[in-house]
Amino acid sequence: MKNLVLTVGLLLTSAVLADELPKADPELIAELKEYCVELATEDGIDKKELKKFILECINEELDAEGYQALAKVE
């Protein structure tokens, strides 16, 4: 439950601050996606939850590095 609240808070905060934060380069996003897929594999994330997990993981990393969050992962 805490993760859900934190995620929603992060997304809302990101939406408000999106105009102020730079967008990440596609190369960085690709690296983060690869990293998050590895984490999902190690953690045994179910295929149903995989896209959601990867998006949240990438957005957490982007936030930590001062970039805009993504709305979706392609």
N, C-alpha and C. Protein backbone atom coordinates (compact mmCIF):
# COMPACT_ATOMS: atom_id res chain seq x y z
N MET A 1 0.82 -1.18 0.00
CA MET A 1 0.00 0.00 0.00
C MET A 1 0.87 1.25 0.00
N LYS A 2 1.96 1.20 0.79
CA LYS A 2 2.86 2.35 0.82
C LYS A 2 3.44 2.62 -0.56
N ASN A 3 3.79 1.53 -1.28
CA ASN A 3 4.36 1.70 -2.61
C ASN A 3 3.38 2.38 -3.55
N LEU A 4 2.11 2.02 -3.44
CA LEU A 4 1.09 2.62 -4.28
C LEU A 4 0.97 4.11 -3.99
N VAL A 5 0.93 4.47 -2.73
CA VAL A 5 0.82 5.87 -2.33
C VAL A 5 2.05 6.64 -2.79
N LEU A 6 3.23 6.06 -2.62
CA LEU A 6 4.46 6.72 -3.04
C LEU A 6 4.50 6.87 -4.56
N THR A 7 4.05 5.86 -5.27
CA THR A 7 4.05 5.92 -6.72
C THR A 7 3.10 7.00 -7.22
N VAL A 8 1.91 7.04 -6.66
CA VAL A 8 0.94 8.06 -7.06
C VAL A 8 1.49 9.46 -6.73
N GLY A 9 2.08 9.59 -5.56
CA GLY A 9 2.68 10.87 -5.19
C GLY A 9 3.79 11.27 -6.13
N LEU A 10 4.61 10.32 -6.49
CA LEU A 10 5.70 10.57 -7.43
C LEU A 10 5.16 11.01 -8.78
N LEU A 11 4.15 10.32 -9.26
CA LEU A 11 3.57 10.67 -10.56
C LEU A 11 2.92 12.04 -10.53
N LEU A 12 2.22 12.35 -9.46
CA LEU A 12 1.61 13.68 -9.35
C LEU A 12 2.66 14.76 -9.25
N THR A 13 3.67 14.53 -8.46
CA THR A 13 4.76 15.50 -8.34
C THR A 13 5.47 15.66 -9.67
N SER A 14 5.69 14.56 -10.35
CA SER A 14 6.37 14.60 -11.65
C SER A 14 5.54 15.38 -12.66
N ALA A 15 4.24 15.21 -12.61
CA ALA A 15 3.37 15.92 -13.55
C ALA A 15 3.44 17.42 -13.32
N VAL A 16 3.50 17.83 -12.07
CA VAL A 16 3.57 19.25 -11.75
C VAL A 16 4.92 19.83 -12.13
N LEU A 17 5.98 19.08 -11.89
CA LEU A 17 7.32 19.57 -12.15
C LEU A 17 7.84 19.23 -13.54
N ALA A 18 7.04 18.57 -14.36
CA ALA A 18 7.51 18.09 -15.65
C ALA A 18 8.06 19.20 -16.53
N ASP A 19 7.48 20.39 -16.46
CA ASP A 19 7.94 21.48 -17.30
C ASP A 19 9.32 21.96 -16.88
N GLU A 20 9.69 21.74 -15.64
CA GLU A 20 10.95 22.24 -15.13
C GLU A 20 12.09 21.25 -15.28
N LEU A 21 11.80 19.98 -15.41
CA LEU A 21 12.83 18.96 -15.47
C LEU A 21 13.17 18.63 -16.92
N PRO A 22 14.44 18.33 -17.20
CA PRO A 22 14.82 17.96 -18.57
C PRO A 22 14.36 16.55 -18.90
N LYS A 23 14.21 16.29 -20.18
CA LYS A 23 13.87 14.94 -20.64
C LYS A 23 15.15 14.13 -20.75
N ALA A 24 15.06 12.87 -20.41
CA ALA A 24 16.21 11.98 -20.51
C ALA A 24 16.45 11.60 -21.96
N ASP A 25 17.71 11.37 -22.29
CA ASP A 25 18.07 10.92 -23.63
C ASP A 25 17.54 9.51 -23.85
N PRO A 26 17.20 9.18 -25.09
CA PRO A 26 16.73 7.81 -25.39
C PRO A 26 17.73 6.73 -24.97
N GLU A 27 19.02 7.04 -25.06
CA GLU A 27 20.03 6.07 -24.66
C GLU A 27 19.94 5.77 -23.16
N LEU A 28 19.73 6.79 -22.36
CA LEU A 28 19.59 6.60 -20.91
C LEU A 28 18.35 5.78 -20.61
N ILE A 29 17.26 6.09 -21.28
CA ILE A 29 16.01 5.35 -21.06
C ILE A 29 16.20 3.88 -21.43
N ALA A 30 16.91 3.61 -22.53
CA ALA A 30 17.17 2.23 -22.94
C ALA A 30 18.01 1.50 -21.90
N GLU A 31 19.02 2.18 -21.35
CA GLU A 31 19.85 1.57 -20.31
C GLU A 31 19.04 1.28 -19.06
N LEU A 32 18.20 2.23 -18.67
CA LEU A 32 17.37 2.04 -17.48
C LEU A 32 16.37 0.91 -17.69
N LYS A 33 15.82 0.82 -18.90
CA LYS A 33 14.86 -0.25 -19.19
C LYS A 33 15.56 -1.61 -19.06
N GLU A 34 16.76 -1.70 -19.61
CA GLU A 34 17.51 -2.96 -19.52
C GLU A 34 17.78 -3.32 -18.05
N TYR A 35 18.18 -2.33 -17.27
CA TYR A 35 18.44 -2.52 -15.84
C TYR A 35 17.17 -3.00 -15.13
N CYS A 36 16.05 -2.35 -15.42
CA CYS A 36 14.79 -2.69 -14.75
C CYS A 36 14.28 -4.07 -15.17
N VAL A 37 14.51 -4.46 -16.41
CA VAL A 37 14.13 -5.81 -16.86
C VAL A 37 14.94 -6.85 -16.09
N GLU A 38 16.23 -6.56 -15.90
CA GLU A 38 17.08 -7.47 -15.11
C GLU A 38 16.56 -7.59 -13.67
N LEU A 39 16.19 -6.44 -13.08
CA LEU A 39 15.64 -6.47 -11.73
C LEU A 39 14.35 -7.29 -11.67
N ALA A 40 13.50 -7.09 -12.66
CA ALA A 40 12.23 -7.83 -12.71
C ALA A 40 12.48 -9.32 -12.80
N THR A 41 13.46 -9.70 -13.59
CA THR A 41 13.81 -11.12 -13.75
C THR A 41 14.31 -11.69 -12.43
N GLU A 42 15.22 -10.94 -11.79
CA GLU A 42 15.77 -11.39 -10.50
C GLU A 42 14.69 -11.49 -9.43
N ASP A 43 13.73 -10.56 -9.46
CA ASP A 43 12.67 -10.54 -8.45
C ASP A 43 11.51 -11.48 -8.78
N GLY A 44 11.52 -12.05 -9.97
CA GLY A 44 10.45 -12.97 -10.36
C GLY A 44 9.12 -12.28 -10.57
N ILE A 45 9.14 -11.11 -11.16
CA ILE A 45 7.91 -10.34 -11.40
C ILE A 45 7.05 -11.08 -12.43
N ASP A 46 5.78 -11.19 -12.13
CA ASP A 46 4.81 -11.86 -13.01
C ASP A 46 4.66 -11.07 -14.31
N LYS A 47 4.45 -11.77 -15.42
CA LYS A 47 4.31 -11.12 -16.72
C LYS A 47 3.18 -10.10 -16.74
N LYS A 48 2.14 -10.33 -15.96
CA LYS A 48 1.01 -9.39 -15.90
C LYS A 48 1.44 -8.05 -15.33
N GLU A 49 2.39 -8.06 -14.42
CA GLU A 49 2.84 -6.86 -13.73
C GLU A 49 4.13 -6.29 -14.31
N LEU A 50 4.69 -6.94 -15.34
CA LEU A 50 6.01 -6.58 -15.84
C LEU A 50 6.07 -5.14 -16.38
N LYS A 51 5.14 -4.75 -17.24
CA LYS A 51 5.16 -3.40 -17.81
C LYS A 51 5.05 -2.34 -16.72
N LYS A 52 4.15 -2.57 -15.77
CA LYS A 52 3.95 -1.62 -14.68
C LYS A 52 5.23 -1.52 -13.84
N PHE A 53 5.83 -2.65 -13.53
CA PHE A 53 7.06 -2.67 -12.74
C PHE A 53 8.17 -1.91 -13.46
N ILE A 54 8.34 -2.18 -14.75
CA ILE A 54 9.40 -1.52 -15.51
C ILE A 54 9.18 -0.01 -15.57
N LEU A 55 7.96 0.43 -15.81
CA LEU A 55 7.67 1.86 -15.85
C LEU A 55 7.98 2.52 -14.52
N GLU A 56 7.53 1.91 -13.43
CA GLU A 56 7.79 2.47 -12.10
C GLU A 56 9.28 2.49 -11.79
N CYS A 57 9.97 1.45 -12.16
CA CYS A 57 11.41 1.35 -11.93
C CYS A 57 12.14 2.44 -12.70
N ILE A 58 11.83 2.59 -13.98
CA ILE A 58 12.47 3.63 -14.80
C ILE A 58 12.18 5.01 -14.24
N ASN A 59 10.94 5.26 -13.87
CA ASN A 59 10.58 6.58 -13.34
C ASN A 59 11.27 6.88 -12.02
N GLU A 60 11.45 5.87 -11.19
CA GLU A 60 12.18 6.08 -9.93
C GLU A 60 13.63 6.48 -10.21
N GLU A 61 14.25 5.81 -11.18
CA GLU A 61 15.63 6.13 -11.54
C GLU A 61 15.72 7.51 -12.18
N LEU A 62 14.78 7.83 -13.06
CA LEU A 62 14.77 9.15 -13.69
C LEU A 62 14.60 10.25 -12.65
N ASP A 63 13.71 10.02 -11.71
CA ASP A 63 13.47 11.00 -10.65
C ASP A 63 14.75 11.21 -9.83
N ALA A 64 15.43 10.13 -9.52
CA ALA A 64 16.66 10.22 -8.74
C ALA A 64 17.74 11.00 -9.47
N GLU A 65 17.69 10.97 -10.80
CA GLU A 65 18.69 11.68 -11.59
C GLU A 65 18.22 13.04 -12.07
N GLY A 66 16.99 13.43 -11.69
CA GLY A 66 16.50 14.77 -12.01
C GLY A 66 15.90 14.93 -13.39
N TYR A 67 15.33 13.85 -13.92
CA TYR A 67 14.69 13.90 -15.24
C TYR A 67 13.19 13.75 -15.12
N GLN A 68 12.49 14.13 -16.20
CA GLN A 68 11.04 13.96 -16.26
C GLN A 68 10.68 12.47 -16.24
N ALA A 69 9.57 12.18 -15.62
CA ALA A 69 9.04 10.81 -15.62
C ALA A 69 8.41 10.50 -16.97
N LEU A 70 8.33 9.23 -17.29
CA LEU A 70 7.68 8.78 -18.51
C LEU A 70 6.24 8.42 -18.23
N ALA A 71 5.38 8.63 -19.22
CA ALA A 71 3.98 8.22 -19.09
C ALA A 71 3.82 6.75 -19.47
N LYS A 72 4.69 6.27 -20.37
CA LYS A 72 4.65 4.87 -20.78
C LYS A 72 6.01 4.48 -21.29
N VAL A 73 6.23 3.17 -21.34
CA VAL A 73 7.49 2.62 -21.85
C VAL A 73 7.18 1.91 -23.16
N GLU A 74 7.95 2.21 -24.14
CA GLU A 74 7.72 1.58 -25.45
C GLU A 74 8.57 0.37 -25.63
